[in-house]
Amino acid sequence: MIKIIILAIIQGFTEFLPISSSGHLAILENFMGIAEPVSVAAFLHLGTFLATIFFFKQEIVQLLHGVFKKKPQMLNYLLYIIIGNIPIVIFVVLFRDFIEATFTDIKLVIIFLGITGMVVLLTSIVKKGTKQISFINALSIGVGQMFAVFPGLSRSGLTIAVGFYSKVDPQEAFRFSFLLSLPAVFGANLLELKEITNSPNPIELVIGLLISFISGYIALKILRALVQRWFYIFGYYCLLISFILLLILII
């Protein structure tokens, strides 16, 4: 039970903060022997997926209502979400085996975490933009999401950072990043649920789901509060962890 609680807290916070959940879980498994079974991973990811829906429920309702009413602005926004998900779909279909192989290379995971740190940290020197989402920056942010399939490369870190570099308003980059993630995360959750072959303890899974939901929701609130002025500080964290772990591997 303690293991489930620890994994759920880590999943909830690292899934949304720009520090890479897949990277942290790979590090836990390699350095501490804490592995995440498929059944547990599926329910923890479901918890963070539900946290995203709950956190952005107002935006999602407005989007769906606008699409139903055929409002041009909402139809365009839905189109941008679809466009932004095209790169990751194509990339995963073409390179799935290669992507999965990277999860076992801990040195590469740590290097990727350092790259996340650099990408996030460099947003500190970029002048904040005021643009809203357009076709071009939706596609650019989608490319950021595409590369985040590799462990250590943070999805929220890369997508929000690309938004910064594209001069998108920080709060809009934050919002679009997570609305963009919903189709891809939903698809990944379905695949994980289908891969469950054992009979896990249902009580542990429900507790894990609830904790990942709560910690994920808290992480989203933290990130929204920091994204305007302090987003780059997560870059220092990623670089520090990457540097320390590379030293450990070398020594």
Protein backbone atom coordinates (compact mmCIF):
# COMPACT_ATOMS: atom_id res chain seq x y z
CA MET A 1 0.00 0.00 0.00
CA ILE A 2 2.85 2.41 0.89
CA LYS A 3 4.41 1.74 -2.52
CA ILE A 4 1.12 2.58 -4.26
CA ILE A 5 0.80 5.82 -2.29
CA ILE A 6 4.39 6.88 -3.14
CA LEU A 7 3.91 6.07 -6.83
CA ALA A 8 0.56 7.91 -6.92
CA ILE A 9 2.02 11.08 -5.38
CA ILE A 10 5.00 11.00 -7.75
CA GLN A 11 2.74 10.35 -10.73
CA GLY A 12 0.35 13.15 -9.80
CA PHE A 13 2.97 15.84 -9.33
CA THR A 14 5.46 14.87 -12.03
CA GLU A 15 2.79 14.27 -14.67
CA PHE A 16 1.84 17.94 -14.72
CA LEU A 17 4.84 19.85 -13.41
CA PRO A 18 7.45 20.23 -16.18
CA ILE A 19 9.84 17.66 -14.70
CA SER A 20 8.82 14.43 -16.56
CA SER A 21 6.81 11.71 -14.85
CA SER A 22 8.23 8.97 -17.10
CA GLY A 23 11.75 10.14 -16.30
CA HIS A 24 11.17 10.10 -12.56
CA LEU A 25 9.54 6.67 -12.64
CA ALA A 26 12.43 5.26 -14.71
CA ILE A 27 14.89 6.74 -12.21
CA LEU A 28 12.97 5.25 -9.27
CA GLU A 29 13.01 1.82 -10.89
CA ASN A 30 16.71 1.91 -11.77
CA PHE A 31 18.13 3.49 -8.62
CA MET A 32 15.66 2.34 -5.94
CA GLY A 33 14.10 -0.77 -7.43
CA ILE A 34 10.59 0.68 -7.22
CA ALA A 35 8.79 -0.61 -10.30
CA GLU A 36 5.33 0.39 -11.48
CA PRO A 37 3.20 -2.62 -12.57
CA VAL A 38 1.05 -2.15 -15.68
CA SER A 39 -2.18 -2.34 -13.67
CA VAL A 40 -0.98 0.33 -11.24
CA ALA A 41 0.33 2.57 -14.02
CA ALA A 42 -3.01 2.37 -15.85
CA PHE A 43 -5.01 3.51 -12.83
CA LEU A 44 -2.54 6.20 -11.79
CA HIS A 45 -2.62 7.63 -15.31
CA LEU A 46 -6.39 7.44 -15.24
CA GLY A 47 -6.33 9.47 -12.03
CA THR A 48 -4.24 12.25 -13.58
CA PHE A 49 -6.36 12.15 -16.75
CA LEU A 50 -9.49 12.71 -14.64
CA ALA A 51 -7.69 15.49 -12.74
CA THR A 52 -7.07 17.27 -16.06
CA ILE A 53 -10.73 17.00 -17.03
CA PHE A 54 -11.88 18.24 -13.64
CA PHE A 55 -9.40 21.13 -13.57
CA PHE A 56 -10.34 22.30 -17.07
CA LYS A 57 -14.02 21.37 -16.86
CA GLN A 58 -15.17 24.92 -17.58
CA GLU A 59 -12.96 25.23 -20.66
CA ILE A 60 -14.04 21.78 -21.90
CA VAL A 61 -17.74 22.58 -21.46
CA GLN A 62 -17.28 25.90 -23.27
CA LEU A 63 -15.44 24.18 -26.10
CA LEU A 64 -18.03 21.44 -26.52
CA HIS A 65 -20.91 23.91 -26.28
CA GLY A 66 -19.26 26.16 -28.86
CA VAL A 67 -18.62 23.25 -31.21
CA PHE A 68 -22.23 22.08 -30.82
CA LYS A 69 -23.42 25.62 -31.61
CA LYS A 70 -20.95 25.75 -34.52
CA LYS A 71 -19.20 28.84 -33.23
CA PRO A 72 -16.20 29.56 -35.50
CA GLN A 73 -13.81 30.31 -32.64
CA MET A 74 -14.53 27.03 -30.86
CA LEU A 75 -14.51 25.02 -34.10
CA ASN A 76 -11.08 26.48 -34.88
CA TYR A 77 -9.84 25.66 -31.38
CA LEU A 78 -10.97 22.05 -31.73
CA LEU A 79 -9.22 21.94 -35.11
CA TYR A 80 -6.02 23.21 -33.48
CA ILE A 81 -6.21 20.42 -30.88
CA ILE A 82 -6.61 17.86 -33.67
CA ILE A 83 -3.73 19.38 -35.64
CA GLY A 84 -1.54 19.43 -32.54
CA ASN A 85 -2.06 15.69 -32.02
CA ILE A 86 -1.14 14.66 -35.56
CA PRO A 87 2.67 14.67 -34.99
CA ILE A 88 2.54 12.37 -31.94
CA VAL A 89 0.21 9.88 -33.63
CA ILE A 90 2.43 9.60 -36.71
CA PHE A 91 5.62 9.43 -34.62
CA VAL A 92 4.35 6.69 -32.29
CA VAL A 93 3.02 4.58 -35.18
CA LEU A 94 6.34 4.79 -37.05
CA PHE A 95 8.80 4.52 -34.14
CA ARG A 96 6.98 2.69 -31.34
CA ASP A 97 9.66 -0.01 -30.87
CA PHE A 98 12.45 2.58 -30.78
CA ILE A 99 10.53 4.71 -28.26
CA GLU A 100 9.92 1.73 -25.97
CA ALA A 101 13.61 0.78 -26.11
CA THR A 102 14.66 4.16 -24.69
CA PHE A 103 12.84 3.43 -21.42
CA THR A 104 15.51 0.86 -20.48
CA ASP A 105 18.47 3.19 -21.14
CA ILE A 106 18.74 5.06 -17.85
CA LYS A 107 21.66 7.20 -19.00
CA LEU A 108 19.61 8.41 -21.97
CA VAL A 109 16.65 9.11 -19.67
CA ILE A 110 18.85 11.27 -17.45
CA ILE A 111 20.24 13.14 -20.47
CA PHE A 112 16.71 13.74 -21.71
CA LEU A 113 15.82 15.13 -18.27
CA GLY A 114 18.73 17.55 -18.62
CA ILE A 115 17.45 18.59 -22.05
CA THR A 116 14.05 19.28 -20.50
CA GLY A 117 15.81 21.44 -17.93
CA MET A 118 17.58 23.48 -20.61
CA VAL A 119 14.43 23.96 -22.70
CA VAL A 120 12.43 25.09 -19.67
CA LEU A 121 15.21 27.26 -18.22
CA LEU A 122 15.74 29.15 -21.49
CA THR A 123 12.15 30.40 -21.37
CA SER A 124 13.45 32.88 -18.78
CA ILE A 125 15.19 34.89 -21.51
CA VAL A 126 12.18 34.94 -23.84
CA LYS A 127 9.96 37.99 -23.79
CA LYS A 128 6.41 36.99 -22.87
CA GLY A 129 4.00 36.94 -25.79
CA THR A 130 0.31 37.78 -26.06
CA LYS A 131 -0.68 35.62 -29.03
CA GLN A 132 -3.55 33.16 -28.98
CA ILE A 133 -3.35 29.70 -30.53
CA SER A 134 -3.12 29.58 -34.32
CA PHE A 135 -2.55 26.83 -36.88
CA ILE A 136 1.23 27.29 -36.90
CA ASN A 137 1.85 27.38 -33.16
CA ALA A 138 -0.67 24.55 -32.58
CA LEU A 139 1.44 22.41 -34.90
CA SER A 140 4.67 23.60 -33.24
CA ILE A 141 3.36 22.76 -29.77
CA GLY A 142 2.22 19.41 -31.15
CA VAL A 143 5.80 18.69 -32.24
CA GLY A 144 6.89 19.43 -28.68
CA GLN A 145 4.34 16.91 -27.43
CA MET A 146 5.64 14.42 -30.00
CA PHE A 147 9.18 14.47 -28.61
CA ALA A 148 7.83 14.10 -25.07
CA VAL A 149 7.04 10.43 -25.75
CA PHE A 150 10.66 9.80 -24.69
CA PRO A 151 11.24 9.30 -20.93
CA GLY A 152 12.83 12.34 -19.35
CA LEU A 153 11.38 14.78 -21.86
CA SER A 154 8.50 16.47 -20.03
CA ARG A 155 5.30 16.83 -22.06
CA SER A 156 4.12 19.90 -20.16
CA GLY A 157 7.65 21.31 -20.14
CA LEU A 158 8.18 21.03 -23.89
CA THR A 159 4.69 22.08 -24.97
CA ILE A 160 4.45 25.13 -22.71
CA ALA A 161 8.04 26.11 -23.56
CA VAL A 162 7.28 25.92 -27.29
CA GLY A 163 4.28 28.14 -26.56
CA PHE A 164 6.63 30.65 -24.92
CA TYR A 165 9.02 30.53 -27.88
CA SER A 166 6.08 31.01 -30.26
CA LYS A 167 5.04 34.16 -28.35
CA VAL A 168 1.79 32.58 -27.14
CA ASP A 169 0.37 34.11 -23.96
CA PRO A 170 1.69 31.99 -21.02
CA GLN A 171 -1.77 31.23 -19.61
CA GLU A 172 -3.01 30.28 -23.06
CA ALA A 173 0.05 28.06 -23.59
CA PHE A 174 -0.73 26.40 -20.25
CA ARG A 175 -4.37 25.84 -21.16
CA PHE A 176 -3.72 24.59 -24.68
CA SER A 177 -0.95 22.28 -23.50
CA PHE A 178 -3.28 20.30 -21.29
CA LEU A 179 -6.35 20.39 -23.53
CA LEU A 180 -4.05 19.13 -26.29
CA SER A 181 -2.96 16.24 -24.08
CA LEU A 182 -6.44 14.81 -23.49
CA PRO A 183 -6.84 12.78 -26.74
CA ALA A 184 -3.29 11.38 -26.58
CA VAL A 185 -3.50 10.54 -22.87
CA PHE A 186 -6.93 8.97 -23.30
CA GLY A 187 -5.61 6.74 -26.08
CA ALA A 188 -2.57 5.76 -24.00
CA ASN A 189 -4.82 4.94 -21.03
CA LEU A 190 -6.95 2.63 -23.16
CA LEU A 191 -3.86 0.76 -24.32
CA GLU A 192 -2.62 0.39 -20.74
CA LEU A 193 -5.98 -0.89 -19.50
CA LYS A 194 -6.03 -3.49 -22.29
CA GLU A 195 -2.60 -4.74 -21.25
CA ILE A 196 -3.70 -5.61 -17.70
CA THR A 197 -3.48 -9.40 -17.41
CA ASN A 198 -3.30 -10.02 -13.66
CA SER A 199 -5.92 -9.49 -10.96
CA PRO A 200 -4.72 -6.44 -8.95
CA ASN A 201 -6.01 -5.49 -5.52
CA PRO A 202 -8.99 -3.21 -6.31
CA ILE A 203 -8.70 -1.27 -3.04
CA GLU A 204 -5.07 -0.39 -3.72
CA LEU A 205 -5.91 0.67 -7.27
CA VAL A 206 -8.77 2.92 -6.16
CA ILE A 207 -6.59 4.52 -3.48
CA GLY A 208 -3.82 5.04 -6.04
CA LEU A 209 -6.29 6.59 -8.48
CA LEU A 210 -7.64 8.98 -5.85
CA ILE A 211 -4.20 10.06 -4.66
CA SER A 212 -2.91 10.60 -8.21
CA PHE A 213 -6.08 12.60 -8.93
CA ILE A 214 -5.63 14.84 -5.87
CA SER A 215 -1.88 15.34 -6.27
CA GLY A 216 -2.35 15.96 -9.99
CA TYR A 217 -5.00 18.59 -9.34
CA ILE A 218 -2.71 20.33 -6.82
CA ALA A 219 0.15 20.22 -9.34
CA LEU A 220 -2.04 21.89 -11.98
CA LYS A 221 -2.94 24.68 -9.56
CA ILE A 222 0.75 25.19 -8.71
CA LEU A 223 1.77 25.28 -12.36
CA ARG A 224 -0.98 27.72 -13.34
CA ALA A 225 0.13 30.05 -10.53
CA LEU A 226 3.80 29.88 -11.61
CA VAL A 227 3.58 29.73 -15.40
CA GLN A 228 3.37 33.49 -15.93
CA ARG A 229 6.60 34.47 -14.16
CA TRP A 230 8.31 31.46 -12.59
CA PHE A 231 7.94 28.64 -15.11
CA TYR A 232 11.70 28.53 -15.74
CA ILE A 233 12.54 27.50 -12.14
CA PHE A 234 11.61 23.90 -12.94
CA GLY A 235 14.51 23.93 -15.39
CA TYR A 236 16.98 24.31 -12.51
CA TYR A 237 15.47 21.27 -10.81
CA CYS A 238 15.72 19.07 -13.92
CA LEU A 239 19.30 20.14 -14.60
CA LEU A 240 20.34 19.54 -10.99
CA ILE A 241 18.82 16.04 -10.86
CA SER A 242 20.30 15.19 -14.25
CA PHE A 243 23.78 16.39 -13.21
CA ILE A 244 23.74 14.52 -9.89
CA LEU A 245 22.53 11.24 -11.41
CA LEU A 246 25.04 11.39 -14.26
CA LEU A 247 27.81 11.85 -11.68
CA ILE A 248 26.53 8.81 -9.78
CA LEU A 249 26.57 6.73 -12.96
CA ILE A 250 30.08 7.87 -13.85
CA ILE A 251 31.46 7.30 -10.34
